[in-house]
Amino acid sequence: QVQLVESGGGLVQAGGSLRLSCAASGRTFSSYAMGWFRQAPGKEREFVAGISWSGGNTVYADSVKGRFSISRDNANNTVSLQMNSLKPEDTAVYYCHAGASYSGRYRASDYWGQGTQVTVSS
């Protein structure tokens, strides 16, 4: 079992930065691929970024490449998403994800956090 708790969301102006963090409980954190998804009002949940269990491989959605950076600290059971050059279209609830895939696929048995709101004003 893995429990995920996100933090770091908030309101920021376009062009600004935010750093999201996800704290995981459970002794098997390092065996999971981790990722971030987001869901805007009226839209489906979409993949943002993923990182392999070792941290050696990362994948990003085209919409955030060059602006967002995902990292993990297996010693402290955390995964972070550094978001720079934020745009109004980045506004969404951001969810931390733990599962077998870091490339955007997920299963019903995967783990999710409760979400954190990110709002980017123009």
N, C-alpha and C. Protein backbone atom coordinates (compact mmCIF):
# COMPACT_ATOMS: atom_id res chain seq x y z
N GLN A 1 0.83 -1.19 0.00
CA GLN A 1 0.00 0.00 0.00
C GLN A 1 0.87 1.25 0.00
N VAL A 2 0.45 2.23 -0.75
CA VAL A 2 1.13 3.52 -0.80
C VAL A 2 0.09 4.61 -0.64
N GLN A 3 0.34 5.53 0.26
CA GLN A 3 -0.51 6.71 0.40
C GLN A 3 0.26 7.93 -0.07
N LEU A 4 -0.39 8.77 -0.85
CA LEU A 4 0.25 9.92 -1.47
C LEU A 4 -0.42 11.21 -1.02
N VAL A 5 0.37 12.19 -0.62
CA VAL A 5 -0.16 13.48 -0.19
C VAL A 5 0.59 14.59 -0.93
N GLU A 6 -0.15 15.36 -1.73
CA GLU A 6 0.47 16.45 -2.49
C GLU A 6 0.45 17.74 -1.69
N SER A 7 1.37 18.63 -2.04
CA SER A 7 1.40 19.97 -1.46
C SER A 7 2.07 20.90 -2.46
N GLY A 8 1.92 22.20 -2.23
CA GLY A 8 2.63 23.17 -3.04
C GLY A 8 1.80 23.89 -4.09
N GLY A 9 0.55 23.53 -4.21
CA GLY A 9 -0.28 24.23 -5.18
C GLY A 9 -0.60 25.64 -4.73
N GLY A 10 -1.22 26.41 -5.60
CA GLY A 10 -1.59 27.77 -5.25
C GLY A 10 -1.90 28.61 -6.45
N LEU A 11 -1.95 29.91 -6.23
CA LEU A 11 -2.25 30.89 -7.28
C LEU A 11 -0.96 31.60 -7.67
N VAL A 12 -0.71 31.68 -8.96
CA VAL A 12 0.50 32.33 -9.45
C VAL A 12 0.18 33.05 -10.75
N GLN A 13 0.90 34.11 -11.03
CA GLN A 13 0.71 34.83 -12.28
C GLN A 13 1.41 34.10 -13.42
N ALA A 14 0.91 34.33 -14.61
CA ALA A 14 1.53 33.74 -15.80
C ALA A 14 3.01 34.13 -15.85
N GLY A 15 3.84 33.14 -16.18
CA GLY A 15 5.27 33.35 -16.21
C GLY A 15 5.96 32.99 -14.91
N GLY A 16 5.18 32.77 -13.87
CA GLY A 16 5.74 32.44 -12.58
C GLY A 16 6.06 30.96 -12.43
N SER A 17 6.45 30.58 -11.22
CA SER A 17 6.86 29.21 -10.93
C SER A 17 6.18 28.69 -9.68
N LEU A 18 6.01 27.38 -9.65
CA LEU A 18 5.54 26.67 -8.47
C LEU A 18 6.27 25.34 -8.40
N ARG A 19 6.40 24.83 -7.19
CA ARG A 19 6.98 23.51 -7.00
C ARG A 19 6.00 22.65 -6.23
N LEU A 20 5.56 21.58 -6.84
CA LEU A 20 4.67 20.63 -6.19
C LEU A 20 5.49 19.50 -5.58
N SER A 21 5.04 19.05 -4.43
CA SER A 21 5.68 17.91 -3.78
C SER A 21 4.65 16.85 -3.47
N CYS A 22 5.10 15.62 -3.45
CA CYS A 22 4.24 14.49 -3.12
C CYS A 22 4.99 13.62 -2.13
N ALA A 23 4.42 13.50 -0.95
CA ALA A 23 5.01 12.65 0.09
C ALA A 23 4.31 11.31 0.09
N ALA A 24 5.09 10.26 0.05
CA ALA A 24 4.53 8.91 0.00
C ALA A 24 4.84 8.14 1.27
N SER A 25 3.86 7.38 1.70
CA SER A 25 4.09 6.48 2.84
C SER A 25 4.20 5.07 2.31
N GLY A 26 4.88 4.22 3.04
CA GLY A 26 5.02 2.84 2.58
C GLY A 26 6.46 2.51 2.30
N ARG A 27 6.83 1.31 2.64
CA ARG A 27 8.23 0.91 2.52
C ARG A 27 8.63 0.60 1.08
N THR A 28 7.65 0.48 0.17
CA THR A 28 7.96 0.07 -1.19
C THR A 28 7.95 1.23 -2.17
N PHE A 29 8.09 2.46 -1.69
CA PHE A 29 8.03 3.63 -2.56
C PHE A 29 9.00 3.52 -3.72
N SER A 30 10.21 3.10 -3.45
CA SER A 30 11.25 3.09 -4.48
C SER A 30 10.99 2.06 -5.57
N SER A 31 10.04 1.18 -5.38
CA SER A 31 9.75 0.18 -6.40
C SER A 31 8.70 0.66 -7.40
N TYR A 32 8.12 1.83 -7.17
CA TYR A 32 7.07 2.34 -8.04
C TYR A 32 7.60 3.42 -8.97
N ALA A 33 7.09 3.39 -10.19
CA ALA A 33 7.23 4.55 -11.05
C ALA A 33 6.28 5.62 -10.51
N MET A 34 6.67 6.87 -10.66
CA MET A 34 5.87 7.96 -10.13
C MET A 34 5.55 8.95 -11.24
N GLY A 35 4.49 9.68 -11.05
CA GLY A 35 4.13 10.64 -12.07
C GLY A 35 3.18 11.69 -11.56
N TRP A 36 2.95 12.66 -12.42
CA TRP A 36 1.98 13.71 -12.15
C TRP A 36 0.99 13.77 -13.31
N PHE A 37 -0.27 13.86 -12.96
CA PHE A 37 -1.35 14.07 -13.90
C PHE A 37 -2.08 15.34 -13.50
N ARG A 38 -2.90 15.86 -14.39
CA ARG A 38 -3.70 17.02 -14.04
C ARG A 38 -5.07 16.93 -14.70
N GLN A 39 -6.01 17.62 -14.09
CA GLN A 39 -7.37 17.64 -14.63
C GLN A 39 -7.94 19.04 -14.50
N ALA A 40 -8.26 19.63 -15.62
CA ALA A 40 -8.88 20.94 -15.64
C ALA A 40 -10.40 20.78 -15.67
N PRO A 41 -11.14 21.79 -15.25
CA PRO A 41 -12.61 21.69 -15.24
C PRO A 41 -13.15 21.33 -16.61
N GLY A 42 -14.01 20.33 -16.65
CA GLY A 42 -14.64 19.94 -17.90
C GLY A 42 -13.76 19.13 -18.83
N LYS A 43 -12.55 18.78 -18.37
CA LYS A 43 -11.63 18.02 -19.20
C LYS A 43 -11.25 16.71 -18.52
N GLU A 44 -10.72 15.79 -19.33
CA GLU A 44 -10.29 14.52 -18.78
C GLU A 44 -8.92 14.69 -18.10
N ARG A 45 -8.62 13.76 -17.21
CA ARG A 45 -7.31 13.77 -16.57
C ARG A 45 -6.25 13.48 -17.62
N GLU A 46 -5.17 14.26 -17.59
CA GLU A 46 -4.11 14.08 -18.57
C GLU A 46 -2.76 13.92 -17.89
N PHE A 47 -1.91 13.19 -18.56
CA PHE A 47 -0.55 12.95 -18.09
C PHE A 47 0.28 14.22 -18.22
N VAL A 48 1.11 14.48 -17.21
CA VAL A 48 2.00 15.64 -17.24
C VAL A 48 3.46 15.20 -17.30
N ALA A 49 3.88 14.37 -16.35
CA ALA A 49 5.28 13.95 -16.30
C ALA A 49 5.38 12.66 -15.51
N GLY A 50 6.40 11.86 -15.82
CA GLY A 50 6.63 10.61 -15.11
C GLY A 50 8.10 10.36 -14.91
N ILE A 51 8.43 9.56 -13.89
CA ILE A 51 9.82 9.25 -13.58
C ILE A 51 9.90 7.79 -13.16
N SER A 52 10.94 7.12 -13.62
CA SER A 52 11.12 5.70 -13.30
C SER A 52 11.47 5.50 -11.84
N TRP A 53 11.46 4.25 -11.40
CA TRP A 53 11.69 3.97 -9.98
C TRP A 53 13.06 4.45 -9.53
N SER A 54 14.04 4.38 -10.41
CA SER A 54 15.40 4.79 -10.05
C SER A 54 15.63 6.28 -10.21
N GLY A 55 14.74 6.93 -10.93
CA GLY A 55 14.92 8.34 -11.25
C GLY A 55 15.74 8.56 -12.50
N GLY A 56 16.17 7.49 -13.14
CA GLY A 56 17.04 7.62 -14.30
C GLY A 56 16.34 7.94 -15.60
N ASN A 57 15.04 7.76 -15.63
CA ASN A 57 14.26 8.02 -16.85
C ASN A 57 13.07 8.91 -16.54
N THR A 58 12.85 9.88 -17.39
CA THR A 58 11.71 10.78 -17.24
C THR A 58 10.99 10.93 -18.58
N VAL A 59 9.72 11.22 -18.49
CA VAL A 59 8.89 11.46 -19.67
C VAL A 59 8.01 12.67 -19.38
N TYR A 60 7.81 13.50 -20.39
CA TYR A 60 6.98 14.70 -20.23
C TYR A 60 5.96 14.80 -21.35
N ALA A 61 4.81 15.36 -21.02
CA ALA A 61 3.84 15.70 -22.05
C ALA A 61 4.42 16.83 -22.90
N ASP A 62 4.09 16.84 -24.18
CA ASP A 62 4.63 17.87 -25.07
C ASP A 62 4.30 19.28 -24.56
N SER A 63 3.15 19.42 -23.93
CA SER A 63 2.69 20.74 -23.50
C SER A 63 3.54 21.33 -22.37
N VAL A 64 4.33 20.50 -21.69
CA VAL A 64 5.12 21.00 -20.56
C VAL A 64 6.62 20.82 -20.75
N LYS A 65 7.04 20.20 -21.84
CA LYS A 65 8.47 19.99 -22.08
C LYS A 65 9.23 21.31 -22.08
N GLY A 66 10.36 21.31 -21.39
CA GLY A 66 11.17 22.52 -21.31
C GLY A 66 10.74 23.49 -20.23
N ARG A 67 9.57 23.26 -19.64
CA ARG A 67 9.08 24.15 -18.57
C ARG A 67 8.97 23.43 -17.23
N PHE A 68 8.60 22.16 -17.25
CA PHE A 68 8.42 21.39 -16.03
C PHE A 68 9.56 20.38 -15.86
N SER A 69 9.86 20.06 -14.61
CA SER A 69 10.89 19.08 -14.33
C SER A 69 10.46 18.21 -13.15
N ILE A 70 10.50 16.89 -13.36
CA ILE A 70 10.11 15.97 -12.30
C ILE A 70 11.36 15.35 -11.69
N SER A 71 11.31 15.13 -10.38
CA SER A 71 12.43 14.50 -9.69
C SER A 71 11.89 13.69 -8.52
N ARG A 72 12.73 12.78 -8.00
CA ARG A 72 12.31 11.99 -6.86
C ARG A 72 13.47 11.79 -5.91
N ASP A 73 13.13 11.59 -4.65
CA ASP A 73 14.10 11.32 -3.61
C ASP A 73 13.65 10.06 -2.89
N ASN A 74 14.23 8.93 -3.26
CA ASN A 74 13.78 7.66 -2.67
C ASN A 74 14.15 7.53 -1.20
N ALA A 75 15.16 8.24 -0.77
CA ALA A 75 15.54 8.18 0.64
C ALA A 75 14.48 8.84 1.52
N ASN A 76 13.79 9.83 0.96
CA ASN A 76 12.78 10.56 1.73
C ASN A 76 11.36 10.33 1.22
N ASN A 77 11.20 9.40 0.29
CA ASN A 77 9.88 9.04 -0.23
C ASN A 77 9.11 10.24 -0.78
N THR A 78 9.78 11.03 -1.58
CA THR A 78 9.11 12.19 -2.16
C THR A 78 9.35 12.27 -3.67
N VAL A 79 8.39 12.86 -4.34
CA VAL A 79 8.53 13.18 -5.76
C VAL A 79 8.08 14.62 -5.93
N SER A 80 8.78 15.35 -6.77
CA SER A 80 8.50 16.77 -6.94
C SER A 80 8.28 17.12 -8.40
N LEU A 81 7.58 18.20 -8.61
CA LEU A 81 7.37 18.72 -9.96
C LEU A 81 7.65 20.22 -9.92
N GLN A 82 8.75 20.60 -10.51
CA GLN A 82 9.11 22.02 -10.62
C GLN A 82 8.46 22.56 -11.89
N MET A 83 7.64 23.59 -11.72
CA MET A 83 6.89 24.15 -12.84
C MET A 83 7.32 25.60 -13.06
N ASN A 84 7.91 25.86 -14.20
CA ASN A 84 8.37 27.20 -14.55
C ASN A 84 7.60 27.73 -15.76
N SER A 85 7.68 29.02 -15.97
CA SER A 85 7.02 29.66 -17.11
C SER A 85 5.56 29.22 -17.22
N LEU A 86 4.87 29.28 -16.12
CA LEU A 86 3.50 28.80 -16.07
C LEU A 86 2.58 29.62 -16.96
N LYS A 87 1.60 28.94 -17.53
CA LYS A 87 0.63 29.56 -18.42
C LYS A 87 -0.78 29.36 -17.86
N PRO A 88 -1.71 30.21 -18.23
CA PRO A 88 -3.09 30.02 -17.75
C PRO A 88 -3.64 28.63 -18.08
N GLU A 89 -3.23 28.06 -19.19
CA GLU A 89 -3.72 26.72 -19.55
C GLU A 89 -3.13 25.61 -18.70
N ASP A 90 -2.20 25.93 -17.81
CA ASP A 90 -1.70 24.96 -16.85
C ASP A 90 -2.61 24.85 -15.63
N THR A 91 -3.60 25.71 -15.55
CA THR A 91 -4.54 25.68 -14.43
C THR A 91 -5.28 24.35 -14.39
N ALA A 92 -5.21 23.68 -13.24
CA ALA A 92 -5.82 22.36 -13.09
C ALA A 92 -5.59 21.88 -11.66
N VAL A 93 -6.24 20.79 -11.34
CA VAL A 93 -5.90 20.04 -10.13
C VAL A 93 -4.82 19.03 -10.53
N TYR A 94 -3.73 19.05 -9.80
CA TYR A 94 -2.59 18.17 -10.10
C TYR A 94 -2.59 17.00 -9.12
N TYR A 95 -2.44 15.80 -9.69
CA TYR A 95 -2.49 14.57 -8.91
C TYR A 95 -1.15 13.83 -8.99
N CYS A 96 -0.70 13.36 -7.86
CA CYS A 96 0.47 12.49 -7.79
C CYS A 96 0.02 11.05 -8.04
N HIS A 97 0.84 10.31 -8.77
CA HIS A 97 0.49 8.95 -9.16
C HIS A 97 1.64 7.99 -8.88
N ALA A 98 1.32 6.81 -8.42
CA ALA A 98 2.31 5.74 -8.22
C ALA A 98 1.80 4.48 -8.88
N GLY A 99 2.63 3.86 -9.71
CA GLY A 99 2.20 2.66 -10.39
C GLY A 99 3.35 1.98 -11.10
N ALA A 100 3.01 1.14 -12.07
CA ALA A 100 4.03 0.39 -12.78
C ALA A 100 4.64 1.19 -13.95
N SER A 101 3.90 2.14 -14.47
CA SER A 101 4.34 2.90 -15.64
C SER A 101 4.63 4.36 -15.31
N TYR A 102 5.66 4.90 -15.94
CA TYR A 102 5.95 6.33 -15.77
C TYR A 102 5.69 7.10 -17.07
N SER A 103 5.03 6.44 -18.03
CA SER A 103 4.82 7.08 -19.33
C SER A 103 3.37 7.48 -19.58
N GLY A 104 2.57 7.48 -18.53
CA GLY A 104 1.21 7.97 -18.68
C GLY A 104 0.13 6.91 -18.62
N ARG A 105 0.53 5.65 -18.69
CA ARG A 105 -0.47 4.58 -18.57
C ARG A 105 -0.76 4.35 -17.09
N TYR A 106 -1.98 3.95 -16.80
CA TYR A 106 -2.30 3.64 -15.41
C TYR A 106 -3.35 2.55 -15.36
N ARG A 107 -3.41 1.92 -14.20
CA ARG A 107 -4.34 0.83 -13.97
C ARG A 107 -5.25 1.18 -12.80
N ALA A 108 -6.31 0.45 -12.67
CA ALA A 108 -7.25 0.68 -11.57
C ALA A 108 -6.59 0.44 -10.22
N SER A 109 -5.55 -0.38 -10.19
CA SER A 109 -4.89 -0.72 -8.92
C SER A 109 -3.80 0.28 -8.53
N ASP A 110 -3.58 1.30 -9.36
CA ASP A 110 -2.55 2.28 -9.05
C ASP A 110 -2.99 3.18 -7.89
N TYR A 111 -2.04 3.99 -7.42
CA TYR A 111 -2.30 4.86 -6.28
C TYR A 111 -2.32 6.33 -6.73
N TRP A 112 -3.21 7.08 -6.08
CA TRP A 112 -3.36 8.50 -6.40
C TRP A 112 -3.43 9.34 -5.14
N GLY A 113 -2.91 10.56 -5.23
CA GLY A 113 -3.11 11.50 -4.15
C GLY A 113 -4.46 12.18 -4.28
N GLN A 114 -4.74 13.08 -3.34
CA GLN A 114 -6.04 13.74 -3.32
C GLN A 114 -6.08 14.94 -4.26
N GLY A 115 -4.94 15.37 -4.73
CA GLY A 115 -4.87 16.48 -5.68
C GLY A 115 -4.57 17.81 -5.01
N THR A 116 -3.93 18.68 -5.76
CA THR A 116 -3.65 20.04 -5.28
C THR A 116 -3.94 21.02 -6.42
N GLN A 117 -4.61 22.11 -6.09
CA GLN A 117 -5.05 23.06 -7.11
C GLN A 117 -3.92 24.00 -7.51
N VAL A 118 -3.73 24.13 -8.80
CA VAL A 118 -2.81 25.12 -9.36
C VAL A 118 -3.61 26.06 -10.24
N THR A 119 -3.54 27.34 -9.94
CA THR A 119 -4.26 28.34 -10.72
C THR A 119 -3.27 29.38 -11.24
N VAL A 120 -3.26 29.56 -12.55
CA VAL A 120 -2.36 30.52 -13.17
C VAL A 120 -3.19 31.65 -13.76
N SER A 121 -2.99 32.84 -13.26
CA SER A 121 -3.75 33.99 -13.74
C SER A 121 -3.01 34.69 -14.88
N SER A 122 -3.79 35.25 -15.79
CA SER A 122 -3.19 35.92 -16.95
C SER A 122 -2.92 37.39 -16.67
